[in-house]
Structures are given as structure tokens and as C-alpha cells.
């Protein structure tokens, strides 16, 4: 049963990434390269409002550092709500997917 709960939590974690990317970052719109001038897969208007450009000054760092950290924190919150405490029983890196 523990494996089933852990698997379910991991699926919820990954689904949260997909949901956030489509609904939060793109507002439910399909990817549009005209709205992503720096070609990092993040909608330009969302980047300006949500990512610290001082910490992540270029497109690569905004995606690989700021966005991925933001996305992992949101998805870990989903895992932590499962009864088996999947964030501490993680398939990828014990303790957190982000470490």
C-alpha cells in the first residue's frame, strides 16, 4: 500500500508541474513563440511579473534556476499533503525532488 500511495503522490507532483505550466504560466493558452521572445518556454508577461530578474538576468537562468525552483516548491506542497509523507519517501532524492 505504501508504494501505491507514494506512486500516487509522485503522479500528483508531476501533474502539478504540467498544470502550473499550462494554467499559471500560460493562462491556459497553448505555447506561442510570439509571446516568448527569449525562447525559454515561459510566457514573457508571466516572467516579468513572477521571476526576480536581478537574480536570474538571462533567459537560461530564468528557466533553469528561478522557474524550476518555483515549480518544484509548488509541486512538493502537493506531495506533502499525501498520507505517506511522500516528500520524505521520494523516488528521486530522499527528502525532496528539489535537492
C-alpha atoms as a PDB file:
ATOM      1  CA  UNK A   1       0.000   0.000   0.000  1.00  0.00           C
ATOM      2  CA  UNK A   2       2.857   2.398   0.793  1.00  0.00           C
ATOM      3  CA  UNK A   3       4.168   2.043  -2.757  1.00  0.00           C
ATOM      4  CA  UNK A   4       0.756   2.819  -4.194  1.00  0.00           C
ATOM      5  CA  UNK A   5       0.438   5.952  -2.063  1.00  0.00           C
ATOM      6  CA  UNK A   6       3.962   7.047  -2.972  1.00  0.00           C
ATOM      7  CA  UNK A   7       3.280   6.449  -6.669  1.00  0.00           C
ATOM      8  CA  UNK A   8       0.047   8.432  -6.415  1.00  0.00           C
ATOM      9  CA  UNK A   9       1.832  11.313  -4.697  1.00  0.00           C
ATOM     10  CA  UNK A  10       4.575  11.357  -7.339  1.00  0.00           C
ATOM     11  CA  UNK A  11       1.945  11.403 -10.086  1.00  0.00           C
ATOM     12  CA  UNK A  12       0.201  14.309  -8.340  1.00  0.00           C
ATOM     13  CA  UNK A  13       3.557  16.109  -8.055  1.00  0.00           C
ATOM     14  CA  UNK A  14       4.282  15.733 -11.769  1.00  0.00           C
ATOM     15  CA  UNK A  15       0.722  16.649 -12.692  1.00  0.00           C
ATOM     16  CA  UNK A  16       1.115  19.864 -10.666  1.00  0.00           C
ATOM     17  CA  UNK A  17       4.090  20.782 -12.874  1.00  0.00           C
ATOM     18  CA  UNK A  18       2.004  20.281 -16.020  1.00  0.00           C
ATOM     19  CA  UNK A  19      -0.989  22.145 -14.588  1.00  0.00           C
ATOM     20  CA  UNK A  20       1.140  25.098 -13.450  1.00  0.00           C
ATOM     21  CA  UNK A  21       2.921  25.307 -16.780  1.00  0.00           C
ATOM     22  CA  UNK A  22      -0.312  25.334 -18.775  1.00  0.00           C
ATOM     23  CA  UNK A  23      -2.650  27.219 -16.450  1.00  0.00           C
ATOM     24  CA  UNK A  24      -0.439  29.521 -14.384  1.00  0.00           C
ATOM     25  CA  UNK A  25       2.447  30.299 -16.741  1.00  0.00           C
ATOM     26  CA  UNK A  26       0.455  30.278 -19.992  1.00  0.00           C
ATOM     27  CA  UNK A  27      -3.013  31.125 -18.641  1.00  0.00           C
ATOM     28  CA  UNK A  28      -4.476  28.070 -20.341  1.00  0.00           C
ATOM     29  CA  UNK A  29      -3.248  29.223 -23.750  1.00  0.00           C
ATOM     30  CA  UNK A  30      -1.155  26.953 -25.971  1.00  0.00           C
ATOM     31  CA  UNK A  31       2.546  27.739 -26.220  1.00  0.00           C
ATOM     32  CA  UNK A  32       3.030  30.730 -28.513  1.00  0.00           C
ATOM     33  CA  UNK A  33       6.592  31.596 -29.608  1.00  0.00           C
ATOM     34  CA  UNK A  34       5.454  35.178 -30.260  1.00  0.00           C
ATOM     35  CA  UNK A  35       4.777  35.515 -26.518  1.00  0.00           C
ATOM     36  CA  UNK A  36       8.152  34.009 -25.598  1.00  0.00           C
ATOM     37  CA  UNK A  37      10.733  36.285 -27.157  1.00  0.00           C
ATOM     38  CA  UNK A  38      13.667  34.825 -25.215  1.00  0.00           C
ATOM     39  CA  UNK A  39      12.698  31.253 -26.213  1.00  0.00           C
ATOM     40  CA  UNK A  40      12.818  29.760 -22.726  1.00  0.00           C
ATOM     41  CA  UNK A  41       9.245  28.364 -22.836  1.00  0.00           C
ATOM     42  CA  UNK A  42       7.979  30.867 -20.261  1.00  0.00           C
ATOM     43  CA  UNK A  43       5.371  33.422 -21.288  1.00  0.00           C
ATOM     44  CA  UNK A  44       7.076  36.835 -21.316  1.00  0.00           C
ATOM     45  CA  UNK A  45       4.340  38.595 -19.334  1.00  0.00           C
ATOM     46  CA  UNK A  46       4.420  35.883 -16.639  1.00  0.00           C
ATOM     47  CA  UNK A  47       8.214  36.103 -16.367  1.00  0.00           C
ATOM     48  CA  UNK A  48       8.113  39.852 -15.843  1.00  0.00           C
ATOM     49  CA  UNK A  49       5.555  39.548 -13.066  1.00  0.00           C
ATOM     50  CA  UNK A  50       6.892  36.468 -11.281  1.00  0.00           C
ATOM     51  CA  UNK A  51      10.634  35.937 -11.652  1.00  0.00           C
ATOM     52  CA  UNK A  52      13.298  38.002  -9.965  1.00  0.00           C
ATOM     53  CA  UNK A  53      15.260  39.274 -12.958  1.00  0.00           C
ATOM     54  CA  UNK A  54      18.047  40.571 -10.691  1.00  0.00           C
ATOM     55  CA  UNK A  55      18.723  37.015  -9.545  1.00  0.00           C
ATOM     56  CA  UNK A  56      18.054  35.452 -12.936  1.00  0.00           C
ATOM     57  CA  UNK A  57      19.082  38.059 -15.501  1.00  0.00           C
ATOM     58  CA  UNK A  58      19.010  35.928 -18.656  1.00  0.00           C
ATOM     59  CA  UNK A  59      16.602  33.503 -20.295  1.00  0.00           C
ATOM     60  CA  UNK A  60      18.602  30.393 -19.414  1.00  0.00           C
ATOM     61  CA  UNK A  61      18.879  31.209 -15.719  1.00  0.00           C
ATOM     62  CA  UNK A  62      15.243  32.330 -15.530  1.00  0.00           C
ATOM     63  CA  UNK A  63      14.193  28.884 -16.725  1.00  0.00           C
ATOM     64  CA  UNK A  64      16.862  26.638 -15.197  1.00  0.00           C
ATOM     65  CA  UNK A  65      17.076  28.356 -11.816  1.00  0.00           C
ATOM     66  CA  UNK A  66      14.135  30.612 -10.990  1.00  0.00           C
ATOM     67  CA  UNK A  67      11.335  28.785 -12.792  1.00  0.00           C
ATOM     68  CA  UNK A  68      12.417  25.266 -11.837  1.00  0.00           C
ATOM     69  CA  UNK A  69      12.812  26.228  -8.161  1.00  0.00           C
ATOM     70  CA  UNK A  70       9.370  27.888  -8.190  1.00  0.00           C
ATOM     71  CA  UNK A  71       7.836  24.862  -9.924  1.00  0.00           C
ATOM     72  CA  UNK A  72       9.425  22.331  -7.562  1.00  0.00           C
ATOM     73  CA  UNK A  73       8.303  24.182  -4.425  1.00  0.00           C
ATOM     74  CA  UNK A  74       4.713  24.237  -5.679  1.00  0.00           C
ATOM     75  CA  UNK A  75       4.774  20.553  -6.627  1.00  0.00           C
ATOM     76  CA  UNK A  76       6.370  19.469  -3.334  1.00  0.00           C
ATOM     77  CA  UNK A  77       3.468  21.107  -1.493  1.00  0.00           C
ATOM     78  CA  UNK A  78       1.149  18.715  -3.342  1.00  0.00           C
ATOM     79  CA  UNK A  79       3.240  15.682  -2.335  1.00  0.00           C
ATOM     80  CA  UNK A  80       3.335  16.727   1.310  1.00  0.00           C
ATOM     81  CA  UNK A  81      -0.441  16.518   1.511  1.00  0.00           C
ATOM     82  CA  UNK A  82      -0.417  12.759   0.887  1.00  0.00           C
ATOM     83  CA  UNK A  83      -0.777  10.454   3.905  1.00  0.00           C
ATOM     84  CA  UNK A  84       2.529   8.632   3.352  1.00  0.00           C
ATOM     85  CA  UNK A  85       4.541  11.894   3.562  1.00  0.00           C
ATOM     86  CA  UNK A  86       5.891  11.274   0.080  1.00  0.00           C
ATOM     87  CA  UNK A  87       8.179  14.271   0.212  1.00  0.00           C
ATOM     88  CA  UNK A  88      10.282  12.307   2.713  1.00  0.00           C
ATOM     89  CA  UNK A  89       9.792   8.985   0.934  1.00  0.00           C
ATOM     90  CA  UNK A  90      10.721  10.237  -2.503  1.00  0.00           C
ATOM     91  CA  UNK A  91      11.647   8.087  -5.517  1.00  0.00           C
ATOM     92  CA  UNK A  92      14.082  10.665  -6.859  1.00  0.00           C
ATOM     93  CA  UNK A  93      16.015  12.113  -3.954  1.00  0.00           C
ATOM     94  CA  UNK A  94      15.002  11.283  -0.387  1.00  0.00           C
ATOM     95  CA  UNK A  95      13.579  14.337   1.294  1.00  0.00           C
ATOM     96  CA  UNK A  96      12.671  16.327  -1.787  1.00  0.00           C
ATOM     97  CA  UNK A  97      12.548  16.321  -5.569  1.00  0.00           C
ATOM     98  CA  UNK A  98      14.298  19.687  -5.473  1.00  0.00           C
ATOM     99  CA  UNK A  99      17.525  18.593  -3.753  1.00  0.00           C
END
